[in-house]
C-alpha cells in the first residue's frame, strides 16, 4: 500500500531515516492512534514497542509523516491547551485512517506469510 503521498519502496539515508523506517512507520503510528489520541512526543516514545528505537529515530520524520497523514485524511489534530506548559498538538485517528490501517494490516499479513514461506 503506498503512503499518503503515493510513496513506494525503500530509500537510503543517514541514520534511521525515511528510507529504513518510512514504510513501517505509517502502520505503527496508525496503530498507536487507534488505541488512543496522542501527542507527537508520546507517539515517538511509544514507537519503541515496535522495535523502532526512539533515540535513533528522526523525530522530524515522524512529524512530517503525521502532517502527510493529516493531509490524506487519515489523522486529525487539535491543540491541547489544558494543563501547564505550552500547547501541544494531539493527533487522533479518523475513519479514513482506520480503513488505511486495515489495508496496511492486510498487506503486512500477506508479506509476513510470504517471508515465512521464503525463510521456512
C-alpha atoms as a PDB file:
ATOM      1  CA  UNK A   1       0.000   0.000   0.000  1.00  0.00           C
ATOM      2  CA  UNK A   2       1.514   3.349  -0.907  1.00  0.00           C
ATOM      3  CA  UNK A   3       1.826   6.013   1.732  1.00  0.00           C
ATOM      4  CA  UNK A   4      -0.456   9.039   1.803  1.00  0.00           C
ATOM      5  CA  UNK A   5       1.509  10.647  -0.989  1.00  0.00           C
ATOM      6  CA  UNK A   6       1.935   7.513  -3.059  1.00  0.00           C
ATOM      7  CA  UNK A   7       5.449   6.590  -1.919  1.00  0.00           C
ATOM      8  CA  UNK A   8       6.657   3.082  -2.617  1.00  0.00           C
ATOM      9  CA  UNK A   9       9.831   1.249  -1.813  1.00  0.00           C
ATOM     10  CA  UNK A  10      12.794   1.840   0.445  1.00  0.00           C
ATOM     11  CA  UNK A  11      15.163   4.777   0.231  1.00  0.00           C
ATOM     12  CA  UNK A  12      18.646   5.169   1.617  1.00  0.00           C
ATOM     13  CA  UNK A  13      19.811   7.795   4.070  1.00  0.00           C
ATOM     14  CA  UNK A  14      21.968   8.504   7.099  1.00  0.00           C
ATOM     15  CA  UNK A  15      20.923   7.133  10.463  1.00  0.00           C
ATOM     16  CA  UNK A  16      17.370   5.907  10.881  1.00  0.00           C
ATOM     17  CA  UNK A  17      15.706   7.889   8.139  1.00  0.00           C
ATOM     18  CA  UNK A  18      12.641   7.549   5.951  1.00  0.00           C
ATOM     19  CA  UNK A  19      14.454   5.008   3.785  1.00  0.00           C
ATOM     20  CA  UNK A  20      14.699   2.441   6.521  1.00  0.00           C
ATOM     21  CA  UNK A  21      11.551   3.057   8.531  1.00  0.00           C
ATOM     22  CA  UNK A  22       9.207   5.155   6.423  1.00  0.00           C
ATOM     23  CA  UNK A  23       7.187   2.240   5.135  1.00  0.00           C
ATOM     24  CA  UNK A  24       6.682   0.666   8.540  1.00  0.00           C
ATOM     25  CA  UNK A  25       6.250   3.967  10.386  1.00  0.00           C
ATOM     26  CA  UNK A  26       2.803   4.632   8.909  1.00  0.00           C
ATOM     27  CA  UNK A  27       1.095   1.487  10.239  1.00  0.00           C
ATOM     28  CA  UNK A  28       2.883   1.859  13.586  1.00  0.00           C
ATOM     29  CA  UNK A  29       1.603   5.416  14.035  1.00  0.00           C
ATOM     30  CA  UNK A  30      -1.891   4.436  12.914  1.00  0.00           C
ATOM     31  CA  UNK A  31      -1.907   1.511  15.358  1.00  0.00           C
ATOM     32  CA  UNK A  32      -0.883   3.754  18.241  1.00  0.00           C
ATOM     33  CA  UNK A  33      -3.567   6.291  17.343  1.00  0.00           C
ATOM     34  CA  UNK A  34      -6.161   3.536  17.102  1.00  0.00           C
ATOM     35  CA  UNK A  35      -5.506   2.841  20.786  1.00  0.00           C
ATOM     36  CA  UNK A  36      -5.835   6.458  21.914  1.00  0.00           C
ATOM     37  CA  UNK A  37      -5.272  10.065  20.919  1.00  0.00           C
ATOM     38  CA  UNK A  38      -1.649  11.064  21.479  1.00  0.00           C
ATOM     39  CA  UNK A  39       0.688  13.991  21.100  1.00  0.00           C
ATOM     40  CA  UNK A  40       3.819  13.701  18.958  1.00  0.00           C
ATOM     41  CA  UNK A  41       6.301  13.167  21.767  1.00  0.00           C
ATOM     42  CA  UNK A  42       4.176  10.332  23.178  1.00  0.00           C
ATOM     43  CA  UNK A  43       3.942   8.743  19.716  1.00  0.00           C
ATOM     44  CA  UNK A  44       7.714   8.857  19.277  1.00  0.00           C
ATOM     45  CA  UNK A  45       8.288   7.311  22.708  1.00  0.00           C
ATOM     46  CA  UNK A  46       5.716   4.566  22.037  1.00  0.00           C
ATOM     47  CA  UNK A  47       7.363   3.541  18.737  1.00  0.00           C
ATOM     48  CA  UNK A  48       9.900   1.565  20.767  1.00  0.00           C
ATOM     49  CA  UNK A  49       7.163  -1.028  21.192  1.00  0.00           C
ATOM     50  CA  UNK A  50       7.588  -1.884  17.502  1.00  0.00           C
ATOM     51  CA  UNK A  51      11.378  -2.108  17.656  1.00  0.00           C
ATOM     52  CA  UNK A  52      11.944   1.452  16.444  1.00  0.00           C
ATOM     53  CA  UNK A  53      14.457   2.989  18.843  1.00  0.00           C
ATOM     54  CA  UNK A  54      13.105   6.472  19.709  1.00  0.00           C
ATOM     55  CA  UNK A  55      16.592   7.837  20.424  1.00  0.00           C
ATOM     56  CA  UNK A  56      17.743   6.886  16.910  1.00  0.00           C
ATOM     57  CA  UNK A  57      14.552   7.909  15.120  1.00  0.00           C
ATOM     58  CA  UNK A  58      14.410  11.182  13.216  1.00  0.00           C
ATOM     59  CA  UNK A  59      11.618  12.994  15.077  1.00  0.00           C
ATOM     60  CA  UNK A  60      11.233  15.348  12.120  1.00  0.00           C
ATOM     61  CA  UNK A  61      10.318  12.328  10.007  1.00  0.00           C
ATOM     62  CA  UNK A  62       7.569  11.384  12.462  1.00  0.00           C
ATOM     63  CA  UNK A  63       6.086  14.887  12.426  1.00  0.00           C
ATOM     64  CA  UNK A  64       6.309  15.098   8.617  1.00  0.00           C
ATOM     65  CA  UNK A  65       4.570  11.728   8.360  1.00  0.00           C
ATOM     66  CA  UNK A  66       1.828  12.900  10.754  1.00  0.00           C
ATOM     67  CA  UNK A  67       1.286  16.013   8.610  1.00  0.00           C
ATOM     68  CA  UNK A  68       1.133  13.889   5.450  1.00  0.00           C
ATOM     69  CA  UNK A  69      -1.339  11.513   7.053  1.00  0.00           C
ATOM     70  CA  UNK A  70      -3.409  14.509   8.156  1.00  0.00           C
ATOM     71  CA  UNK A  71      -3.383  15.859   4.591  1.00  0.00           C
ATOM     72  CA  UNK A  72      -4.511  12.413   3.397  1.00  0.00           C
ATOM     73  CA  UNK A  73      -7.390  12.499   5.896  1.00  0.00           C
ATOM     74  CA  UNK A  74      -6.103   9.568   7.962  1.00  0.00           C
ATOM     75  CA  UNK A  75      -5.328  11.664  11.036  1.00  0.00           C
ATOM     76  CA  UNK A  76      -6.882  14.746  12.623  1.00  0.00           C
ATOM     77  CA  UNK A  77      -5.156  17.052  15.086  1.00  0.00           C
ATOM     78  CA  UNK A  78      -6.142  19.636  17.635  1.00  0.00           C
ATOM     79  CA  UNK A  79      -4.277  21.866  20.077  1.00  0.00           C
ATOM     80  CA  UNK A  80      -4.380  20.790  23.711  1.00  0.00           C
ATOM     81  CA  UNK A  81      -4.054  23.872  25.923  1.00  0.00           C
ATOM     82  CA  UNK A  82      -5.048  22.186  29.184  1.00  0.00           C
ATOM     83  CA  UNK A  83      -2.506  21.894  31.953  1.00  0.00           C
ATOM     84  CA  UNK A  84       0.681  23.800  32.484  1.00  0.00           C
ATOM     85  CA  UNK A  85       3.230  24.351  29.778  1.00  0.00           C
ATOM     86  CA  UNK A  86       2.865  25.190  26.127  1.00  0.00           C
ATOM     87  CA  UNK A  87       0.011  23.947  23.958  1.00  0.00           C
ATOM     88  CA  UNK A  88       0.613  20.546  22.385  1.00  0.00           C
ATOM     89  CA  UNK A  89      -0.839  19.148  19.181  1.00  0.00           C
ATOM     90  CA  UNK A  90      -2.822  15.975  19.822  1.00  0.00           C
ATOM     91  CA  UNK A  91      -3.429  13.524  16.982  1.00  0.00           C
ATOM     92  CA  UNK A  92      -6.376  11.175  16.534  1.00  0.00           C
ATOM     93  CA  UNK A  93      -7.310   8.510  14.007  1.00  0.00           C
ATOM     94  CA  UNK A  94     -10.107   9.282  11.543  1.00  0.00           C
ATOM     95  CA  UNK A  95     -12.426   6.736   9.905  1.00  0.00           C
ATOM     96  CA  UNK A  96     -10.284   7.009   6.747  1.00  0.00           C
ATOM     97  CA  UNK A  97      -7.230   6.275   8.902  1.00  0.00           C
ATOM     98  CA  UNK A  98      -8.972   3.232  10.330  1.00  0.00           C
ATOM     99  CA  UNK A  99      -9.539   1.977   6.783  1.00  0.00           C
ATOM    100  CA  UNK A 100      -5.925   2.701   5.846  1.00  0.00           C
ATOM    101  CA  UNK A 101      -4.763   0.762   8.902  1.00  0.00           C
ATOM    102  CA  UNK A 102      -6.955  -2.201   7.941  1.00  0.00           C
ATOM    103  CA  UNK A 103      -5.376  -2.198   4.470  1.00  0.00           C
ATOM    104  CA  UNK A 104      -1.901  -1.966   5.992  1.00  0.00           C
ATOM    105  CA  UNK A 105      -2.570  -4.889   8.319  1.00  0.00           C
ATOM    106  CA  UNK A 106      -3.866  -6.966   5.412  1.00  0.00           C
ATOM    107  CA  UNK A 107      -0.778  -6.180   3.324  1.00  0.00           C
ATOM    108  CA  UNK A 108       1.578  -6.811   6.229  1.00  0.00           C
ATOM    109  CA  UNK A 109      -0.123 -10.146   6.888  1.00  0.00           C
ATOM    110  CA  UNK A 110       0.426 -11.212   3.270  1.00  0.00           C
ATOM    111  CA  UNK A 111       4.053 -10.059   3.453  1.00  0.00           C
ATOM    112  CA  UNK A 112       4.545 -11.977   6.699  1.00  0.00           C
ATOM    113  CA  UNK A 113       3.154 -15.139   5.112  1.00  0.00           C
ATOM    114  CA  UNK A 114       5.386 -14.764   2.064  1.00  0.00           C
ATOM    115  CA  UNK A 115       8.508 -14.192   4.178  1.00  0.00           C
ATOM    116  CA  UNK A 116       7.613 -17.124   6.409  1.00  0.00           C
ATOM    117  CA  UNK A 117       7.403 -19.378   3.332  1.00  0.00           C
ATOM    118  CA  UNK A 118      10.665 -17.977   1.995  1.00  0.00           C
ATOM    119  CA  UNK A 119      12.554 -18.378   5.252  1.00  0.00           C
ATOM    120  CA  UNK A 120      10.771 -21.517   6.490  1.00  0.00           C
END
